[in-house]
Every structure is written in structure tokens, then in C-alpha cells.
Amino acid sequence: MRKLIFVILAIFIANSETIWHSDGSYTDKIGDTHYHSDGSYTDKIGDTYYHSNGGYTDKIGDTFYHSDGSYTDKIGDTYYHSDGSYTDKIGDTYYHSDGSYSIIMP
């Protein structure tokens, strides 16, 4: 039984990570679900992300189409948003054009 618990714990840890945002908030990614520190969450099913607020995002190729009509194009390690902003991924850190950043911690 003890070995089973360690195996389950190892699988849980291997499928999870925390993303810390420069504003002090965080997101825990466990499997295909993202739990945000504000209590909201996002479930990924196939190529669609379902948000707890009722919105969704469809990923088609390298473009993310959001239910509010906006979109994001991923080119290389940069995400270009339809509002003119962008996000650069360098290593385990996402740098946003507004000066904020997010760090992925396994």
C-alpha cells in the first residue's frame, strides 16, 4: 500500500506545476486543469479551453480564438495578441509587453 501511495504521489507531482505571476497571484496546473488563485479555473479538453466564467478558447494551429472575439497568434516563442500586446517566452519565464511576467515552477 505504501508503494502505491508513493506511485500516485509521483504521478501527481509529475503532472503538476505552478505558475507564479509578478502581481503575486498564481496558477496551479494539475493535469489538464488550471486552478487560479482567484478561485477560477480552466479545463482543457482536446484543443478547447473552457473557463469557469463561461468563456472558452479554441486552439487551431498556432492561433488561439477566444469567445470574446479576440485572438492570439503564436510565432516561435512569442504570442501576439489582437489588442497589440505580446508575450515572449524565454526559458521558464513569460515576459508580457506591459512589464509583468510569469514564472513556471515545476
C-alpha atoms as a PDB file:
ATOM      1  CA  MET A   1       0.000   0.000   0.000  1.00  0.00           C
ATOM      2  CA  ARG A   2       2.825   2.398   0.849  1.00  0.00           C
ATOM      3  CA  LYS A   3       4.391   1.873  -2.607  1.00  0.00           C
ATOM      4  CA  LEU A   4       1.037   2.593  -4.281  1.00  0.00           C
ATOM      5  CA  ILE A   5       0.728   5.880  -2.391  1.00  0.00           C
ATOM      6  CA  PHE A   6       4.236   6.920  -3.477  1.00  0.00           C
ATOM      7  CA  VAL A   7       3.486   5.998  -7.101  1.00  0.00           C
ATOM      8  CA  ILE A   8       0.264   8.022  -7.067  1.00  0.00           C
ATOM      9  CA  LEU A   9       2.079  10.955  -5.450  1.00  0.00           C
ATOM     10  CA  ALA A  10       4.882  10.756  -8.044  1.00  0.00           C
ATOM     11  CA  ILE A  11       2.364  10.784 -10.904  1.00  0.00           C
ATOM     12  CA  PHE A  12       0.561  13.760  -9.338  1.00  0.00           C
ATOM     13  CA  ILE A  13       3.808  15.718  -8.954  1.00  0.00           C
ATOM     14  CA  ALA A  14       4.947  14.851 -12.494  1.00  0.00           C
ATOM     15  CA  ASN A  15       1.661  16.166 -13.941  1.00  0.00           C
ATOM     16  CA  SER A  16       1.573  19.420 -11.990  1.00  0.00           C
ATOM     17  CA  GLU A  17       3.310  22.771 -11.978  1.00  0.00           C
ATOM     18  CA  THR A  18       2.761  26.212 -10.523  1.00  0.00           C
ATOM     19  CA  ILE A  19       2.978  29.443 -12.483  1.00  0.00           C
ATOM     20  CA  TRP A  20       3.790  32.481 -10.317  1.00  0.00           C
ATOM     21  CA  HIS A  21       2.747  35.887 -11.653  1.00  0.00           C
ATOM     22  CA  SER A  22       4.545  39.145 -10.842  1.00  0.00           C
ATOM     23  CA  ASP A  23       1.373  40.542  -9.239  1.00  0.00           C
ATOM     24  CA  GLY A  24       1.557  37.842  -6.540  1.00  0.00           C
ATOM     25  CA  SER A  25      -1.158  35.601  -7.964  1.00  0.00           C
ATOM     26  CA  TYR A  26      -0.517  32.051  -9.131  1.00  0.00           C
ATOM     27  CA  THR A  27      -1.926  29.254 -11.246  1.00  0.00           C
ATOM     28  CA  ASP A  28      -1.642  25.567 -10.334  1.00  0.00           C
ATOM     29  CA  LYS A  29      -1.690  23.296 -13.377  1.00  0.00           C
ATOM     30  CA  ILE A  30      -2.729  19.765 -12.484  1.00  0.00           C
ATOM     31  CA  GLY A  31      -3.201  17.515 -15.487  1.00  0.00           C
ATOM     32  CA  ASP A  32      -5.394  19.404 -17.961  1.00  0.00           C
ATOM     33  CA  THR A  33      -6.910  21.792 -15.400  1.00  0.00           C
ATOM     34  CA  HIS A  34      -5.523  25.193 -14.392  1.00  0.00           C
ATOM     35  CA  TYR A  35      -6.603  26.403 -10.936  1.00  0.00           C
ATOM     36  CA  HIS A  36      -6.154  30.167 -10.496  1.00  0.00           C
ATOM     37  CA  SER A  37      -5.553  31.810  -7.129  1.00  0.00           C
ATOM     38  CA  ASP A  38      -8.713  33.924  -7.555  1.00  0.00           C
ATOM     39  CA  GLY A  39     -10.800  30.730  -7.392  1.00  0.00           C
ATOM     40  CA  SER A  40     -11.466  30.410 -11.113  1.00  0.00           C
ATOM     41  CA  TYR A  41     -10.258  27.513 -13.248  1.00  0.00           C
ATOM     42  CA  THR A  42      -9.757  26.425 -16.841  1.00  0.00           C
ATOM     43  CA  ASP A  43     -10.261  22.895 -18.203  1.00  0.00           C
ATOM     44  CA  LYS A  44      -8.508  21.805 -21.401  1.00  0.00           C
ATOM     45  CA  ILE A  45     -10.441  19.241 -23.432  1.00  0.00           C
ATOM     46  CA  GLY A  46      -8.858  18.450 -26.765  1.00  0.00           C
ATOM     47  CA  ASP A  47      -7.936  21.772 -28.375  1.00  0.00           C
ATOM     48  CA  THR A  48     -10.511  23.791 -26.439  1.00  0.00           C
ATOM     49  CA  TYR A  49     -10.016  25.551 -23.110  1.00  0.00           C
ATOM     50  CA  TYR A  50     -13.199  26.009 -21.066  1.00  0.00           C
ATOM     51  CA  HIS A  51     -13.087  28.800 -18.474  1.00  0.00           C
ATOM     52  CA  SER A  52     -15.153  28.756 -15.287  1.00  0.00           C
ATOM     53  CA  ASN A  53     -16.673  32.132 -16.230  1.00  0.00           C
ATOM     54  CA  GLY A  54     -18.380  30.512 -19.234  1.00  0.00           C
ATOM     55  CA  GLY A  55     -15.872  31.656 -21.841  1.00  0.00           C
ATOM     56  CA  TYR A  56     -13.749  29.375 -23.991  1.00  0.00           C
ATOM     57  CA  THR A  57     -10.693  29.396 -26.233  1.00  0.00           C
ATOM     58  CA  ASP A  58     -10.235  27.236 -29.339  1.00  0.00           C
ATOM     59  CA  LYS A  59      -6.689  26.452 -30.476  1.00  0.00           C
ATOM     60  CA  ILE A  60      -6.431  25.941 -34.225  1.00  0.00           C
ATOM     61  CA  GLY A  61      -2.873  25.516 -35.425  1.00  0.00           C
ATOM     62  CA  ASP A  62      -0.822  28.249 -33.774  1.00  0.00           C
ATOM     63  CA  THR A  63      -3.781  30.588 -33.237  1.00  0.00           C
ATOM     64  CA  PHE A  64      -5.977  30.808 -30.148  1.00  0.00           C
ATOM     65  CA  TYR A  65      -9.502  32.104 -30.800  1.00  0.00           C
ATOM     66  CA  HIS A  66     -11.258  33.460 -27.703  1.00  0.00           C
ATOM     67  CA  SER A  67     -15.036  33.508 -27.248  1.00  0.00           C
ATOM     68  CA  ASP A  68     -14.965  37.310 -26.830  1.00  0.00           C
ATOM     69  CA  GLY A  69     -13.789  37.669 -30.437  1.00  0.00           C
ATOM     70  CA  SER A  70     -10.126  38.323 -29.688  1.00  0.00           C
ATOM     71  CA  TYR A  71      -7.284  36.041 -30.764  1.00  0.00           C
ATOM     72  CA  THR A  72      -3.646  35.248 -30.098  1.00  0.00           C
ATOM     73  CA  ASP A  73      -1.081  34.139 -32.696  1.00  0.00           C
ATOM     74  CA  LYS A  74       1.941  32.123 -31.539  1.00  0.00           C
ATOM     75  CA  ILE A  75       5.009  32.664 -33.705  1.00  0.00           C
ATOM     76  CA  GLY A  76       8.091  30.933 -32.361  1.00  0.00           C
ATOM     77  CA  ASP A  77       8.245  31.716 -28.646  1.00  0.00           C
ATOM     78  CA  THR A  78       6.224  34.928 -28.923  1.00  0.00           C
ATOM     79  CA  TYR A  79       2.468  35.274 -28.513  1.00  0.00           C
ATOM     80  CA  TYR A  80       0.933  38.229 -30.370  1.00  0.00           C
ATOM     81  CA  HIS A  81      -2.474  39.327 -29.044  1.00  0.00           C
ATOM     82  CA  SER A  82      -5.125  41.011 -31.175  1.00  0.00           C
ATOM     83  CA  ASP A  83      -5.087  44.060 -28.864  1.00  0.00           C
ATOM     84  CA  GLY A  84      -1.483  44.799 -29.912  1.00  0.00           C
ATOM     85  CA  SER A  85       0.213  43.400 -26.813  1.00  0.00           C
ATOM     86  CA  TYR A  86       2.595  40.441 -26.835  1.00  0.00           C
ATOM     87  CA  THR A  87       4.229  37.863 -24.584  1.00  0.00           C
ATOM     88  CA  ASP A  88       7.752  36.446 -25.006  1.00  0.00           C
ATOM     89  CA  LYS A  89       8.614  33.043 -23.523  1.00  0.00           C
ATOM     90  CA  ILE A  90      12.269  32.765 -22.546  1.00  0.00           C
ATOM     91  CA  GLY A  91      13.105  29.566 -20.712  1.00  0.00           C
ATOM     92  CA  ASP A  92      10.552  29.109 -17.935  1.00  0.00           C
ATOM     93  CA  THR A  93       9.513  32.780 -17.860  1.00  0.00           C
ATOM     94  CA  TYR A  94       6.833  34.605 -19.825  1.00  0.00           C
ATOM     95  CA  TYR A  95       7.555  38.340 -20.245  1.00  0.00           C
ATOM     96  CA  HIS A  96       4.481  40.448 -21.058  1.00  0.00           C
ATOM     97  CA  SER A  97       4.640  43.706 -23.001  1.00  0.00           C
ATOM     98  CA  ASP A  98       3.088  45.596 -20.062  1.00  0.00           C
ATOM     99  CA  GLY A  99       6.200  44.832 -17.980  1.00  0.00           C
ATOM    100  CA  SER A 100       4.713  41.994 -15.922  1.00  0.00           C
ATOM    101  CA  TYR A 101       5.991  38.419 -16.028  1.00  0.00           C
ATOM    102  CA  SER A 102       5.065  34.853 -15.093  1.00  0.00           C
ATOM    103  CA  ILE A 103       7.470  32.103 -13.975  1.00  0.00           C
ATOM    104  CA  ILE A 104       6.758  28.362 -14.370  1.00  0.00           C
ATOM    105  CA  MET A 105       7.857  26.297 -11.371  1.00  0.00           C
ATOM    106  CA  PRO A 106       7.636  22.507 -11.704  1.00  0.00           C
END
